[in-house]
Amino acid sequence: MKLLVVVNNHNSFSVMEFCLSLRKYDDAVEVMVACDAELNAAHVEFFAKNKIQRMVFHLGTNGGGNKRQLSVVASAKQLESQSRSRSKSQRSDNLLGTVFSLLIDFALSSSLFYFLREQFIFYRLKRHKKHALEFIDKFKPDVVISISDRSHDYIEASTLWAAKQRGIKVLVPYVAQYDMDAALVYRMAKNGKPDRELRAFWPPSLYKIISYLRFKDQLYKGLFFQSPYVLNAHRRSGTLSAYPWWIGNGNSDVVCVDSGHTARKYLEHRVRSDKIVVVGHVTYDKVFFSYANRQSIKQALMKKYSLASDKKLLILSMPQYAEQGYMDWDQHWVEIDSTIKAVVSTNNNLLLSIHPRSDVRNYASLERKYQCRILEEPLSDVIGAADLFLASNSTTFTWAALCGIPGIALMSPVPFLFSYLESLRPVSASSDLTAEITNILKSPAISFEPDWQQLSRNEVFDGKFQERFLRLLNNMRSVHRASLLPTEDSFSSAESHGERSEASSPG
């Protein structure tokens, strides 16, 4: 079975590595990769070692060579940012300088300039789509896997479009929880207002008015998902998601989710029900192992970290307030110190789990200061041994709930996403934390059945995610191969099929 994986960020690289791991169940699995020249050069030895064919996209360079991938938005904005920078440097306190700056702003927001950007993206898409189609015709993958069908970069958009032309099924695996309001934060300028290009009517132009009429059912809180010239280029190209604010509305055929709760969210955000498949999450197998072996794992942790065997084991997943840009480091440490101080005051064992994104050296002093220990093991490998789990707005809450471990949700600077879990107690102030921990540990065991129904525990928490995923891929391959059986329409030319797609509606 040939799998073509779109690799355009660190999460998608992990998906590729997961696909390679499927070989232990089926040694006939062959993995291919669609990537840019920079990633290809950085991992050429890894690709060669694992015999991975690559579809390489040359997306543009910065300073020579393929040192940096230019995204669709970045490449389209490059001229604008340079021009704005020059205009600001030339601005003076006099009226002439101010007028000059306003003229530059007007020109770079004009309908003509927007249309030229659209043309630039459209013709680049056309070239990359041709490249993708040639690769797919040569290597004939059975299934295409992409973590998104709506980011509209050249790699993803072109690969998914080409797969659609050849009847190859596209699967979107479930990677992480998504929140549209959180996405809005990344679309705000430094002054707290939305990016000017995403606003429907400002700066005013005929191009934006037409784009609004064309995409008004795709706006969220009055904003375009991307600059209208990006959306228009992809609309013409047949690569635009029908509702890009949510994954699953683009050129995909199967959209994986981790639970029934998530499936309902996808349905609410326009993803077709026939696309959605509940399969669980790749991390659930490790979490299940930690749950199934919780007693032996707990004993090993007690011994390794010199913990008291007569005390409860608490695991705190360290909040990333500063790492994620929610607050500065001074504020971050105030919150961390007050939290850990409250937890250790309950006189229980405390293990700290540091996210791989964080630098563990920044937290080493906490061990000496609070007599706690930093976990060396990945959280997923040991969470089943905990008596209580603490974190801040983290998907790891679902791990604890699946294991039947009560959880405490610490202060979060962004909207809380896990209120649907009844076993979870939100505690916004550290001053309330000691009492809440004591109350939970002394209270009778609670029922996790409501949470388990939300998380589809009976269907997904069994240590067999990889096998389940492989069966899904085989089913998709079978559907594709069945579609290749001769019909009266099967001999129409590929070129005419591609031309029809140019004018078809997306999604």
Protein backbone atom coordinates (compact mmCIF):
# COMPACT_ATOMS: atom_id res chain seq x y z
CA MET A 1 0.00 0.00 0.00
CA LYS A 2 1.44 3.34 -1.11
CA LEU A 3 0.81 6.32 1.18
CA LEU A 4 1.61 9.86 0.05
CA VAL A 5 1.97 12.14 3.08
CA VAL A 6 1.86 15.93 2.79
CA VAL A 7 4.69 17.17 5.02
CA ASN A 8 4.54 20.94 5.48
CA ASN A 9 5.03 21.42 9.25
CA HIS A 10 6.32 19.59 12.35
CA ASN A 11 2.98 17.88 13.04
CA SER A 12 2.80 16.47 9.54
CA PHE A 13 6.37 15.14 9.90
CA SER A 14 5.13 13.18 12.92
CA VAL A 15 2.28 11.81 10.80
CA MET A 16 4.83 10.61 8.26
CA GLU A 17 6.82 8.84 11.01
CA PHE A 18 3.60 7.24 12.24
CA CYS A 19 2.89 5.92 8.75
CA LEU A 20 6.36 4.39 8.68
CA SER A 21 5.55 2.64 11.97
CA LEU A 22 2.61 0.87 10.27
CA ARG A 23 5.15 -1.37 8.55
CA LYS A 24 5.27 -3.54 11.67
CA TYR A 25 1.68 -4.55 10.87
CA ASP A 26 2.07 -4.61 7.09
CA ASP A 27 5.58 -4.66 5.62
CA ALA A 28 4.11 -3.77 2.22
CA VAL A 29 3.38 -0.21 3.39
CA GLU A 30 5.32 2.28 1.27
CA VAL A 31 5.54 5.91 2.31
CA MET A 32 6.01 8.82 -0.07
CA VAL A 33 6.27 12.49 0.84
CA ALA A 34 5.17 15.79 -0.66
CA CYS A 35 7.40 18.53 0.72
CA ASP A 36 9.33 21.69 -0.15
CA ALA A 37 12.98 21.77 -1.20
CA GLU A 38 14.15 23.04 2.19
CA LEU A 39 12.65 20.12 4.11
CA ASN A 40 13.87 17.67 1.50
CA ALA A 41 17.45 18.92 1.87
CA ALA A 42 17.28 18.89 5.67
CA HIS A 43 16.11 15.26 5.86
CA VAL A 44 17.65 13.73 2.75
CA GLU A 45 19.49 11.04 4.74
CA PHE A 46 16.35 10.09 6.67
CA PHE A 47 14.38 9.81 3.44
CA ALA A 48 17.05 7.71 1.80
CA LYS A 49 17.35 5.39 4.82
CA ASN A 50 13.59 4.77 4.81
CA LYS A 51 13.37 4.54 1.00
CA ILE A 52 10.93 7.42 0.74
CA GLN A 53 10.13 8.85 -2.67
CA ARG A 54 9.62 12.63 -2.59
CA MET A 55 7.48 15.04 -4.53
CA VAL A 56 9.53 18.21 -4.05
CA PHE A 57 8.02 21.67 -4.52
CA HIS A 58 10.38 24.55 -5.24
CA LEU A 59 8.44 27.35 -3.62
CA GLY A 60 10.90 30.22 -3.75
CA THR A 61 14.04 31.19 -1.93
CA ASN A 62 15.39 33.83 0.38
CA GLY A 63 18.98 34.75 -0.13
CA GLY A 64 19.76 31.94 -2.54
CA GLY A 65 19.20 28.21 -2.33
CA ASN A 66 16.10 26.61 -0.87
CA LYS A 67 16.63 27.87 2.65
CA ARG A 68 13.11 28.97 3.46
CA GLN A 69 9.64 28.02 2.29
CA LEU A 70 7.50 31.01 1.40
CA SER A 71 3.88 30.45 2.28
CA VAL A 72 1.14 31.67 0.00
CA VAL A 73 0.38 34.62 2.24
CA ALA A 74 4.03 35.45 2.91
CA SER A 75 4.99 35.46 -0.75
CA ALA A 76 1.98 37.53 -1.69
CA LYS A 77 2.70 40.05 1.07
CA GLN A 78 6.43 40.32 0.53
CA LEU A 79 6.23 43.25 -1.87
CA GLU A 80 3.69 44.99 0.33
CA SER A 81 5.76 44.72 3.51
CA GLN A 82 8.86 45.99 1.74
CA SER A 83 6.95 48.89 0.25
CA ARG A 84 5.34 49.82 3.55
CA SER A 85 8.70 49.70 5.25
CA ARG A 86 10.19 52.03 2.69
CA SER A 87 7.26 54.41 2.98
CA LYS A 88 7.55 54.57 6.76
CA SER A 89 11.27 55.24 6.58
CA GLN A 90 10.60 58.12 4.22
CA ARG A 91 7.77 59.50 6.35
CA SER A 92 8.43 62.83 8.04
CA ASP A 93 6.44 65.05 10.35
CA ASN A 94 5.39 67.33 7.50
CA LEU A 95 2.23 67.06 5.45
CA LEU A 96 4.04 65.81 2.34
CA GLY A 97 5.38 62.75 4.14
CA THR A 98 1.97 61.88 5.55
CA VAL A 99 0.30 62.22 2.14
CA PHE A 100 2.98 60.05 0.54
CA SER A 101 2.43 57.33 3.13
CA LEU A 102 -1.34 57.39 2.62
CA LEU A 103 -0.89 57.09 -1.14
CA ILE A 104 1.33 54.05 -0.69
CA ASP A 105 -1.24 52.44 1.63
CA PHE A 106 -4.00 53.16 -0.87
CA ALA A 107 -2.04 51.72 -3.80
CA LEU A 108 -1.17 48.51 -1.92
CA SER A 109 -4.82 48.01 -0.95
CA SER A 110 -6.27 48.85 -4.34
CA SER A 111 -8.37 46.49 -6.42
CA LEU A 112 -5.73 46.41 -9.14
CA PHE A 113 -2.95 45.41 -6.76
CA TYR A 114 -5.15 42.73 -5.13
CA PHE A 115 -6.05 41.34 -8.55
CA LEU A 116 -2.38 41.16 -9.56
CA ARG A 117 -1.62 39.20 -6.40
CA GLU A 118 -4.47 36.84 -7.19
CA GLN A 119 -3.05 36.27 -10.66
CA PHE A 120 0.41 35.61 -9.23
CA ILE A 121 -0.89 32.95 -6.83
CA PHE A 122 -3.21 31.41 -9.42
CA TYR A 123 -0.45 30.85 -11.99
CA ARG A 124 1.93 29.48 -9.37
CA LEU A 125 -0.81 27.08 -8.29
CA LYS A 126 -1.28 26.00 -11.88
CA ARG A 127 2.40 25.14 -12.18
CA HIS A 128 2.52 23.25 -8.88
CA LYS A 129 -0.69 21.36 -9.65
CA LYS A 130 0.85 20.12 -12.89
CA HIS A 131 3.92 18.98 -10.97
CA ALA A 132 1.75 17.13 -8.43
CA LEU A 133 -0.29 15.44 -11.14
CA GLU A 134 2.85 14.21 -12.91
CA PHE A 135 4.20 12.70 -9.68
CA ILE A 136 0.93 10.98 -8.84
CA ASP A 137 0.65 9.56 -12.36
CA LYS A 138 4.19 8.19 -12.09
CA PHE A 139 4.14 6.70 -8.57
CA LYS A 140 0.41 5.99 -8.20
CA PRO A 141 -0.20 6.32 -4.46
CA ASP A 142 -3.21 4.51 -3.00
CA VAL A 143 -4.08 7.09 -0.33
CA VAL A 144 -3.03 10.69 0.31
CA ILE A 145 -2.69 11.85 3.94
CA SER A 146 -2.68 15.51 4.91
CA ILE A 147 -3.24 17.05 8.36
CA SER A 148 -5.28 19.83 6.74
CA ASP A 149 -7.44 20.46 3.70
CA ARG A 150 -7.82 24.22 4.15
CA SER A 151 -4.45 25.86 4.80
CA HIS A 152 -4.16 26.65 1.06
CA ASP A 153 -0.40 26.44 0.77
CA TYR A 154 1.05 25.30 -2.54
CA ILE A 155 2.08 21.83 -1.32
CA GLU A 156 -1.17 20.84 0.33
CA ALA A 157 -3.51 22.46 -2.18
CA SER A 158 -1.74 21.06 -5.25
CA THR A 159 -1.35 17.54 -3.87
CA LEU A 160 -4.97 17.23 -2.75
CA TRP A 161 -6.20 18.64 -6.04
CA ALA A 162 -4.13 16.14 -8.03
CA ALA A 163 -5.39 13.26 -5.89
CA LYS A 164 -8.95 14.36 -6.55
CA GLN A 165 -8.34 14.32 -10.32
CA ARG A 166 -7.18 10.72 -10.16
CA GLY A 167 -9.86 9.48 -7.77
CA ILE A 168 -7.34 8.87 -4.98
CA LYS A 169 -8.88 9.19 -1.54
CA VAL A 170 -7.55 11.90 0.78
CA LEU A 171 -7.50 11.27 4.53
CA VAL A 172 -7.16 13.97 7.19
CA PRO A 173 -5.95 12.39 10.46
CA TYR A 174 -6.94 13.84 13.81
CA VAL A 175 -3.97 15.71 15.29
CA ALA A 176 -5.20 18.26 17.84
CA GLN A 177 -8.28 20.08 19.09
CA TYR A 178 -9.09 23.16 17.07
CA ASP A 179 -10.78 26.37 18.18
CA MET A 180 -11.91 29.10 15.80
CA ASP A 181 -11.76 31.89 18.37
CA ALA A 182 -8.17 30.99 19.13
CA ALA A 183 -7.47 31.26 15.41
CA LEU A 184 -8.75 34.83 15.49
CA VAL A 185 -5.96 35.78 17.90
CA TYR A 186 -3.38 34.98 15.23
CA ARG A 187 -5.19 37.25 12.81
CA MET A 188 -4.91 40.36 14.93
CA ALA A 189 -2.40 43.16 14.44
CA LYS A 190 -0.30 44.52 17.30
CA ASN A 191 -2.94 47.15 18.02
CA GLY A 192 -5.48 44.41 18.75
CA LYS A 193 -7.48 45.01 15.59
CA PRO A 194 -7.94 42.42 12.83
CA ASP A 195 -5.38 42.27 10.05
CA ARG A 196 -6.46 44.88 7.51
CA GLU A 197 -6.45 42.40 4.63
CA LEU A 198 -8.91 40.10 6.40
CA ARG A 199 -11.50 42.83 6.98
CA ALA A 200 -14.33 42.73 4.46
CA PHE A 201 -14.80 46.45 3.87
CA TRP A 202 -11.62 48.16 5.04
CA PRO A 203 -9.62 49.47 3.33
CA PRO A 204 -12.55 49.93 0.95
CA SER A 205 -12.21 48.63 -2.61
CA LEU A 206 -14.33 47.12 -5.34
CA TYR A 207 -12.25 43.93 -5.09
CA LYS A 208 -13.15 43.47 -1.44
CA ILE A 209 -16.83 44.13 -2.02
CA ILE A 210 -16.94 41.50 -4.77
CA SER A 211 -14.99 39.10 -2.55
CA TYR A 212 -17.43 39.68 0.29
CA LEU A 213 -20.40 38.84 -1.94
CA ARG A 214 -18.57 35.74 -3.17
CA PHE A 215 -17.41 34.45 0.24
CA LYS A 216 -19.94 35.92 2.67
CA ASP A 217 -20.98 32.44 3.82
CA GLN A 218 -17.33 31.71 4.67
CA LEU A 219 -16.71 34.71 6.94
CA TYR A 220 -16.35 34.28 10.69
CA LYS A 221 -17.10 37.29 12.86
CA GLY A 222 -16.88 39.44 9.76
CA LEU A 223 -13.40 38.31 8.72
CA PHE A 224 -12.05 36.40 5.76
CA PHE A 225 -10.08 33.28 6.70
CA GLN A 226 -7.22 34.49 4.50
CA SER A 227 -6.61 37.52 2.34
CA PRO A 228 -9.30 37.69 -0.36
CA TYR A 229 -6.76 37.45 -3.17
CA VAL A 230 -5.61 34.10 -1.72
CA LEU A 231 -9.19 32.84 -1.51
CA ASN A 232 -10.03 34.00 -5.03
CA ALA A 233 -6.95 32.35 -6.51
CA HIS A 234 -7.83 29.04 -4.86
CA ARG A 235 -11.48 29.34 -5.86
CA ARG A 236 -10.44 29.62 -9.50
CA SER A 237 -7.96 26.80 -9.03
CA GLY A 238 -10.44 24.32 -7.53
CA THR A 239 -8.42 24.12 -4.31
CA LEU A 240 -10.49 26.30 -1.97
CA SER A 241 -12.18 24.80 1.08
CA ALA A 242 -15.93 25.35 1.21
CA TYR A 243 -15.50 26.64 4.78
CA PRO A 244 -11.80 27.08 5.57
CA TRP A 245 -12.31 28.10 9.19
CA TRP A 246 -12.71 24.41 9.99
CA ILE A 247 -10.74 21.37 8.83
CA GLY A 248 -12.65 18.86 6.74
CA ASN A 249 -14.49 21.12 4.31
CA GLY A 250 -11.91 20.99 1.54
CA ASN A 251 -10.63 18.39 -0.93
CA SER A 252 -10.69 15.50 1.55
CA ASP A 253 -12.69 12.29 1.60
CA VAL A 254 -12.20 10.95 5.13
CA VAL A 255 -11.77 13.10 8.24
CA CYS A 256 -10.63 11.28 11.38
CA VAL A 257 -11.70 12.41 14.84
CA ASP A 258 -10.85 11.14 18.30
CA SER A 259 -14.34 10.89 19.77
CA GLY A 260 -18.06 11.33 19.34
CA HIS A 261 -17.81 14.71 21.05
CA THR A 262 -15.33 15.92 18.42
CA ALA A 263 -17.44 14.43 15.64
CA ARG A 264 -20.38 16.56 16.73
CA LYS A 265 -18.20 19.68 16.68
CA TYR A 266 -17.13 18.91 13.12
CA LEU A 267 -20.75 18.43 12.07
CA GLU A 268 -21.62 21.79 13.62
CA HIS A 269 -18.92 23.39 11.49
CA ARG A 270 -20.24 22.07 8.17
CA VAL A 271 -18.15 18.91 7.72
CA ARG A 272 -20.26 16.30 5.95
CA SER A 273 -21.27 13.35 8.13
CA ASP A 274 -20.19 10.82 5.49
CA LYS A 275 -16.60 12.08 5.82
CA ILE A 276 -16.24 11.70 9.59
CA VAL A 277 -14.79 8.55 11.16
CA VAL A 278 -14.16 8.11 14.90
CA VAL A 279 -10.79 6.35 15.28
CA GLY A 280 -9.24 7.77 18.45
CA HIS A 281 -5.80 9.37 18.63
CA VAL A 282 -2.31 8.05 17.99
CA THR A 283 -1.27 8.82 21.59
CA TYR A 284 -4.09 6.75 23.04
CA ASP A 285 -2.16 3.50 22.62
CA LYS A 286 0.61 4.71 24.95
CA VAL A 287 -1.95 6.13 27.38
CA PHE A 288 -3.80 2.81 27.34
CA PHE A 289 -0.59 0.95 28.10
CA SER A 290 0.07 3.25 31.07
CA TYR A 291 -3.47 2.57 32.29
CA ALA A 292 -3.27 -1.19 31.82
CA ASN A 293 0.06 -1.31 33.68
CA ARG A 294 -0.63 1.48 36.16
CA GLN A 295 0.38 -0.44 39.29
CA SER A 296 3.79 -1.55 38.04
CA ILE A 297 4.45 1.88 36.51
CA LYS A 298 3.54 3.60 39.78
CA GLN A 299 5.91 1.37 41.73
CA ALA A 300 8.70 2.10 39.24
CA LEU A 301 8.11 5.85 39.52
CA MET A 302 8.11 5.71 43.31
CA LYS A 303 11.44 3.94 43.29
CA LYS A 304 13.11 6.00 40.56
CA TYR A 305 12.13 9.41 41.96
CA SER A 306 12.38 8.44 45.67
CA LEU A 307 8.72 9.16 46.37
CA ALA A 308 6.79 8.25 49.49
CA SER A 309 4.80 5.07 48.91
CA ASP A 310 2.13 6.06 51.45
CA LYS A 311 1.25 9.30 49.66
CA LYS A 312 -0.88 10.04 46.58
CA LEU A 313 0.81 10.63 43.24
CA LEU A 314 -0.02 13.98 41.59
CA ILE A 315 1.20 14.83 38.09
CA LEU A 316 1.26 18.44 36.93
CA SER A 317 1.59 19.13 33.21
CA MET A 318 3.49 22.42 33.25
CA PRO A 319 1.47 25.29 31.73
CA GLN A 320 3.20 27.08 28.86
CA TYR A 321 1.95 30.58 29.57
CA ALA A 322 5.16 32.26 28.40
CA GLU A 323 6.15 29.75 25.72
CA GLN A 324 2.83 30.23 23.95
CA GLY A 325 2.99 34.01 24.26
CA TYR A 326 0.05 34.41 26.62
CA MET A 327 2.09 36.39 29.18
CA ASP A 328 5.66 37.54 29.79
CA TRP A 329 8.12 35.40 31.73
CA ASP A 330 7.79 37.37 34.97
CA GLN A 331 4.04 36.76 35.04
CA HIS A 332 4.62 33.16 34.00
CA TRP A 333 6.83 32.47 37.00
CA VAL A 334 4.43 34.14 39.39
CA GLU A 335 1.69 31.75 38.24
CA ILE A 336 3.97 28.70 38.27
CA ASP A 337 5.35 29.40 41.73
CA SER A 338 1.95 30.01 43.28
CA THR A 339 0.55 26.87 41.67
CA ILE A 340 3.33 24.51 42.75
CA LYS A 341 3.45 26.01 46.23
CA ALA A 342 -0.25 25.26 46.65
CA VAL A 343 0.10 21.71 45.31
CA VAL A 344 3.03 20.70 47.54
CA SER A 345 1.25 22.12 50.58
CA THR A 346 -1.15 19.17 50.35
CA ASN A 347 1.76 16.87 51.33
CA ASN A 348 1.51 14.51 48.36
CA ASN A 349 4.03 13.30 45.80
CA LEU A 350 4.38 15.69 42.86
CA LEU A 351 5.87 14.96 39.45
CA LEU A 352 6.22 17.72 36.88
CA SER A 353 5.78 16.94 33.19
CA ILE A 354 7.52 19.48 30.96
CA HIS A 355 6.19 19.81 27.41
CA PRO A 356 8.76 18.87 24.72
CA ARG A 357 8.38 22.39 23.31
CA SER A 358 9.73 23.85 26.57
CA ASP A 359 13.34 23.92 27.75
CA VAL A 360 13.48 21.65 30.79
CA ARG A 361 16.52 23.55 32.09
CA ASN A 362 14.28 26.55 32.79
CA TYR A 363 12.38 24.46 35.33
CA ALA A 364 15.21 22.53 36.99
CA SER A 365 15.30 24.87 40.01
CA LEU A 366 11.73 23.90 40.91
CA GLU A 367 12.93 20.49 42.13
CA ARG A 368 15.15 22.04 44.78
CA LYS A 369 12.71 24.79 45.69
CA TYR A 370 9.61 22.64 46.15
CA GLN A 371 10.92 19.07 46.67
CA CYS A 372 9.14 17.84 43.56
CA ARG A 373 10.63 15.91 40.64
CA ILE A 374 10.65 16.46 36.89
CA LEU A 375 9.52 13.49 34.83
CA GLU A 376 12.02 12.13 32.34
CA GLU A 377 9.39 9.88 30.76
CA PRO A 378 6.82 11.19 28.25
CA LEU A 379 3.56 11.98 30.01
CA SER A 380 1.62 9.54 27.81
CA ASP A 381 3.78 6.68 29.09
CA VAL A 382 3.01 7.23 32.81
CA ILE A 383 -0.22 9.21 33.20
CA GLY A 384 -2.24 6.09 34.02
CA ALA A 385 -0.36 5.78 37.33
CA ALA A 386 -1.50 9.18 38.69
CA ASP A 387 -4.08 9.68 41.42
CA LEU A 388 -4.76 13.27 40.32
CA PHE A 389 -3.80 15.19 37.20
CA LEU A 390 -3.36 18.96 36.83
CA ALA A 391 -2.91 21.03 33.67
CA SER A 392 -4.07 24.23 31.98
CA ASN A 393 -6.42 23.91 29.00
CA SER A 394 -4.63 20.86 27.63
CA THR A 395 -5.74 17.97 25.44
CA THR A 396 -4.05 15.76 28.03
CA PHE A 397 -7.22 16.15 30.12
CA THR A 398 -8.78 13.56 27.83
CA TRP A 399 -5.95 11.14 28.67
CA ALA A 400 -6.67 11.46 32.38
CA ALA A 401 -10.43 11.07 31.87
CA LEU A 402 -9.95 7.94 29.75
CA CYS A 403 -7.85 6.47 32.57
CA GLY A 404 -10.48 7.35 35.17
CA ILE A 405 -8.23 9.93 36.85
CA PRO A 406 -9.82 13.13 38.23
CA GLY A 407 -8.37 16.33 36.85
CA ILE A 408 -7.96 19.95 37.86
CA ALA A 409 -7.93 22.67 35.22
CA LEU A 410 -5.60 25.49 36.22
CA MET A 411 -5.97 29.12 35.24
CA SER A 412 -6.05 29.62 31.47
CA PRO A 413 -5.58 32.96 29.70
CA VAL A 414 -7.66 31.74 26.74
CA PRO A 415 -11.22 30.33 26.55
CA PHE A 416 -11.51 26.97 28.30
CA LEU A 417 -12.12 24.10 25.88
CA PHE A 418 -12.91 21.15 28.14
CA SER A 419 -16.02 22.12 30.07
CA TYR A 420 -17.77 19.06 28.62
CA LEU A 421 -15.69 16.77 30.89
CA GLU A 422 -17.59 16.32 34.15
CA SER A 423 -14.60 14.79 35.94
CA LEU A 424 -12.64 18.01 35.50
CA ARG A 425 -12.64 20.73 38.18
CA PRO A 426 -11.68 24.24 36.96
CA VAL A 427 -9.69 26.23 39.55
CA SER A 428 -8.87 29.74 38.40
CA ALA A 429 -7.01 30.95 41.52
CA SER A 430 -4.04 29.23 43.16
CA SER A 431 -5.42 30.21 46.55
CA ASP A 432 -8.28 27.74 45.98
CA LEU A 433 -6.06 24.92 44.78
CA THR A 434 -5.05 23.37 48.12
CA ALA A 435 -8.63 22.95 49.29
CA GLU A 436 -9.76 21.55 45.93
CA ILE A 437 -6.98 18.95 45.83
CA THR A 438 -7.73 17.82 49.38
CA ASN A 439 -11.45 17.59 48.65
CA ILE A 440 -10.96 15.50 45.50
CA LEU A 441 -8.55 13.05 47.11
CA LYS A 442 -10.76 12.53 50.19
CA SER A 443 -14.10 12.32 48.40
CA PRO A 444 -15.62 9.02 47.21
CA ALA A 445 -14.74 7.91 43.71
CA ILE A 446 -16.79 9.62 41.03
CA SER A 447 -18.41 8.05 37.97
CA PHE A 448 -16.54 8.63 34.71
CA GLU A 449 -19.29 7.13 32.54
CA PRO A 450 -20.56 10.51 31.19
CA ASP A 451 -17.02 11.48 30.15
CA TRP A 452 -16.34 8.06 28.67
CA GLN A 453 -19.41 8.36 26.49
CA GLN A 454 -18.28 11.78 25.29
CA LEU A 455 -14.80 10.38 24.52
CA SER A 456 -16.09 7.16 22.87
CA ARG A 457 -13.94 5.18 25.29
CA ASN A 458 -15.36 1.77 24.36
CA GLU A 459 -14.49 2.36 20.71
CA VAL A 460 -11.08 4.04 20.91
CA PHE A 461 -9.35 3.16 24.20
CA ASP A 462 -8.06 -0.34 23.53
CA GLY A 463 -4.39 -0.02 22.52
CA LYS A 464 -5.24 -0.82 18.90
CA PHE A 465 -5.25 2.57 17.22
CA GLN A 466 -2.58 1.63 14.68
CA GLU A 467 -4.42 -1.50 13.62
CA ARG A 468 -7.69 0.43 13.35
CA PHE A 469 -6.03 3.15 11.28
CA LEU A 470 -4.44 0.61 8.96
CA ARG A 471 -7.82 -1.04 8.35
CA LEU A 472 -9.25 2.35 7.46
CA LEU A 473 -6.44 2.94 4.96
CA ASN A 474 -6.99 -0.47 3.39
CA ASN A 475 -10.70 0.25 3.04
CA MET A 476 -9.90 3.56 1.33
CA ARG A 477 -7.47 1.85 -1.01
CA SER A 478 -10.09 -0.75 -1.90
CA VAL A 479 -12.59 1.97 -2.79
CA HIS A 480 -10.01 3.70 -4.97
CA ARG A 481 -9.07 0.51 -6.78
CA ALA A 482 -12.72 -0.35 -7.37
CA SER A 483 -13.18 3.06 -8.94
CA LEU A 484 -10.45 2.21 -11.46
CA LEU A 485 -12.53 -0.55 -13.03
CA PRO A 486 -13.39 0.36 -16.64
CA THR A 487 -16.60 2.31 -17.23
CA GLU A 488 -17.96 4.10 -20.24
CA ASP A 489 -16.49 7.38 -18.89
CA SER A 490 -13.11 6.05 -17.82
CA PHE A 491 -11.32 6.85 -21.06
CA SER A 492 -11.89 10.64 -21.01
CA SER A 493 -8.64 12.54 -21.20
CA ALA A 494 -6.88 13.67 -18.02
CA GLU A 495 -6.42 17.15 -19.45
CA SER A 496 -10.13 17.69 -20.10
CA HIS A 497 -10.93 16.38 -16.62
CA GLY A 498 -8.52 18.88 -15.16
CA GLU A 499 -10.04 21.75 -17.14
CA ARG A 500 -13.51 20.88 -15.84
CA SER A 501 -12.17 20.98 -12.30
CA GLU A 502 -10.88 24.53 -12.77
CA ALA A 503 -14.44 25.78 -12.99
CA SER A 504 -16.00 23.47 -10.43
CA SER A 505 -17.05 24.53 -6.96
CA PRO A 506 -14.63 23.60 -4.18
CA GLY A 507 -15.10 21.04 -1.43
